[in-house]
Structure formats: structure tokens, C-alpha cells
Amino acid sequence: MKRTIATTALLLAGLASTGAFAAKSAEAVPYRYGMPLDVARVISIDEPNSFTCETVQAKMTYIDSNGTEKSVTYLKESSACANS
């Protein structure tokens, strides 16, 4: 019995680490100029850290007016450009 519990625990840990039990996150779509966005609430805006002024790809995760979580990627100047 203990062996079955240990095996099940290992299996669940392996599945959790692969994301099988992870909450389904919104698949990010690339932004196109003129693309309509229905943003009711922004959850997060993520961009890579950059120490130089350059163009980076950012990702905005948001909730639309129907309560659906969505994500969009877009190009922007890095935060380092504000200090230049």
C-alpha cells in the first residue's frame, strides 16, 4: 500500500512539473496594427530585462469584457531607453 501511495505521489509530482495540471494560460497572439483589443482589466505586462536601449517583445495578459483571459505580444522600446 505504501508503495502505491509513493508511486502515485511521484507520478503526480512529475505531471505537475510538466504542466499537465497547470491552469490553462492564455495563448499569446502577436499584435497587428489596427487589431481591436477588448481590454477590461490588465493582469500583467512582462518584458525581458535589457540594459541597452533596444526593441524588445513584451507580453500583456488581460481580461476582456466577457471575463476571458487573453494575452497579446507586441514590440516596444526597452525600459533602458527612458534613461538614455
C-alpha atoms as a PDB file:
ATOM      1  CA  MET A   1       0.000   0.000   0.000  1.00  0.00           C
ATOM      2  CA  LYS A   2       2.798   2.429   0.903  1.00  0.00           C
ATOM      3  CA  ARG A   3       4.480   1.643  -2.408  1.00  0.00           C
ATOM      4  CA  THR A   4       1.275   2.518  -4.314  1.00  0.00           C
ATOM      5  CA  ILE A   5       0.958   5.839  -2.472  1.00  0.00           C
ATOM      6  CA  ALA A   6       4.625   6.657  -3.121  1.00  0.00           C
ATOM      7  CA  THR A   7       4.286   5.759  -6.803  1.00  0.00           C
ATOM      8  CA  THR A   8       1.141   7.871  -7.129  1.00  0.00           C
ATOM      9  CA  ALA A   9       2.841  10.818  -5.403  1.00  0.00           C
ATOM     10  CA  LEU A  10       5.821  10.582  -7.766  1.00  0.00           C
ATOM     11  CA  LEU A  11       3.527  10.380 -10.781  1.00  0.00           C
ATOM     12  CA  LEU A  12       1.550  13.434  -9.667  1.00  0.00           C
ATOM     13  CA  ALA A  13       4.751  15.378  -8.980  1.00  0.00           C
ATOM     14  CA  GLY A  14       6.024  14.523 -12.454  1.00  0.00           C
ATOM     15  CA  LEU A  15       2.781  15.581 -14.098  1.00  0.00           C
ATOM     16  CA  ALA A  16       2.687  18.834 -12.141  1.00  0.00           C
ATOM     17  CA  SER A  17       6.234  19.679 -13.203  1.00  0.00           C
ATOM     18  CA  THR A  18       5.352  19.169 -16.867  1.00  0.00           C
ATOM     19  CA  GLY A  19       2.390  21.497 -16.588  1.00  0.00           C
ATOM     20  CA  ALA A  20      -0.287  18.839 -17.052  1.00  0.00           C
ATOM     21  CA  PHE A  21      -2.141  20.191 -14.024  1.00  0.00           C
ATOM     22  CA  ALA A  22      -1.209  23.833 -14.565  1.00  0.00           C
ATOM     23  CA  ALA A  23      -4.012  26.280 -15.112  1.00  0.00           C
ATOM     24  CA  LYS A  24      -4.586  26.937 -18.778  1.00  0.00           C
ATOM     25  CA  SER A  25      -2.968  30.261 -19.552  1.00  0.00           C
ATOM     26  CA  ALA A  26      -3.944  32.417 -22.440  1.00  0.00           C
ATOM     27  CA  GLU A  27      -2.080  31.700 -25.683  1.00  0.00           C
ATOM     28  CA  ALA A  28      -0.370  34.934 -26.664  1.00  0.00           C
ATOM     29  CA  VAL A  29      -1.172  36.274 -30.118  1.00  0.00           C
ATOM     30  CA  PRO A  30       1.082  38.778 -31.878  1.00  0.00           C
ATOM     31  CA  TYR A  31      -0.422  42.248 -32.110  1.00  0.00           C
ATOM     32  CA  ARG A  32      -1.115  43.562 -35.624  1.00  0.00           C
ATOM     33  CA  TYR A  33      -1.600  47.244 -36.368  1.00  0.00           C
ATOM     34  CA  GLY A  34      -5.289  48.100 -36.137  1.00  0.00           C
ATOM     35  CA  MET A  35      -6.152  44.886 -34.294  1.00  0.00           C
ATOM     36  CA  PRO A  36      -9.118  45.560 -31.972  1.00  0.00           C
ATOM     37  CA  LEU A  37      -8.394  44.870 -28.307  1.00  0.00           C
ATOM     38  CA  ASP A  38     -11.162  44.409 -25.736  1.00  0.00           C
ATOM     39  CA  VAL A  39      -9.267  45.097 -22.503  1.00  0.00           C
ATOM     40  CA  ALA A  40     -11.370  45.345 -19.348  1.00  0.00           C
ATOM     41  CA  ARG A  41      -8.500  44.777 -16.890  1.00  0.00           C
ATOM     42  CA  VAL A  42      -4.755  44.313 -17.334  1.00  0.00           C
ATOM     43  CA  ILE A  43      -3.313  41.444 -15.297  1.00  0.00           C
ATOM     44  CA  SER A  44       0.358  41.863 -16.196  1.00  0.00           C
ATOM     45  CA  ILE A  45       2.809  43.321 -18.659  1.00  0.00           C
ATOM     46  CA  ASP A  46       6.061  41.404 -18.990  1.00  0.00           C
ATOM     47  CA  GLU A  47       9.176  42.264 -20.945  1.00  0.00           C
ATOM     48  CA  PRO A  48      12.731  40.956 -20.899  1.00  0.00           C
ATOM     49  CA  ASN A  49      15.287  42.864 -18.832  1.00  0.00           C
ATOM     50  CA  SER A  50      17.575  44.880 -21.055  1.00  0.00           C
ATOM     51  CA  PHE A  51      20.416  47.175 -20.066  1.00  0.00           C
ATOM     52  CA  THR A  52      20.638  48.746 -23.518  1.00  0.00           C
ATOM     53  CA  CYS A  53      18.129  50.762 -25.481  1.00  0.00           C
ATOM     54  CA  GLU A  54      16.659  48.298 -27.966  1.00  0.00           C
ATOM     55  CA  THR A  55      13.376  46.926 -29.289  1.00  0.00           C
ATOM     56  CA  VAL A  56      12.012  44.060 -27.179  1.00  0.00           C
ATOM     57  CA  GLN A  57       8.943  41.842 -27.332  1.00  0.00           C
ATOM     58  CA  ALA A  58       6.553  42.451 -24.444  1.00  0.00           C
ATOM     59  CA  LYS A  59       3.537  40.386 -23.412  1.00  0.00           C
ATOM     60  CA  MET A  60       0.341  41.826 -21.977  1.00  0.00           C
ATOM     61  CA  THR A  61      -2.059  39.469 -20.218  1.00  0.00           C
ATOM     62  CA  TYR A  62      -5.551  40.866 -19.691  1.00  0.00           C
ATOM     63  CA  ILE A  63      -9.209  40.098 -19.042  1.00  0.00           C
ATOM     64  CA  ASP A  64     -11.698  41.075 -21.759  1.00  0.00           C
ATOM     65  CA  SER A  65     -15.248  42.366 -21.173  1.00  0.00           C
ATOM     66  CA  ASN A  66     -16.562  38.761 -21.185  1.00  0.00           C
ATOM     67  CA  GLY A  67     -14.195  37.751 -18.371  1.00  0.00           C
ATOM     68  CA  THR A  68     -11.905  35.724 -20.640  1.00  0.00           C
ATOM     69  CA  GLU A  69      -8.159  35.848 -20.014  1.00  0.00           C
ATOM     70  CA  LYS A  70      -6.162  36.716 -23.137  1.00  0.00           C
ATOM     71  CA  SER A  71      -2.574  37.629 -23.994  1.00  0.00           C
ATOM     72  CA  VAL A  72      -1.013  39.663 -26.755  1.00  0.00           C
ATOM     73  CA  THR A  73       2.653  40.196 -27.622  1.00  0.00           C
ATOM     74  CA  TYR A  74       3.955  43.418 -29.114  1.00  0.00           C
ATOM     75  CA  LEU A  75       7.211  45.218 -29.865  1.00  0.00           C
ATOM     76  CA  LYS A  76       8.301  48.187 -27.780  1.00  0.00           C
ATOM     77  CA  GLU A  77      11.376  50.084 -26.727  1.00  0.00           C
ATOM     78  CA  SER A  78      13.050  48.583 -23.665  1.00  0.00           C
ATOM     79  CA  SER A  79      12.841  50.390 -20.335  1.00  0.00           C
ATOM     80  CA  ALA A  80      16.517  51.291 -20.717  1.00  0.00           C
ATOM     81  CA  CYS A  81      15.554  53.740 -23.486  1.00  0.00           C
ATOM     82  CA  ALA A  82      13.875  56.034 -20.948  1.00  0.00           C
ATOM     83  CA  ASN A  83      17.224  56.552 -19.225  1.00  0.00           C
ATOM     84  CA  SER A  84      19.108  57.407 -22.436  1.00  0.00           C
END
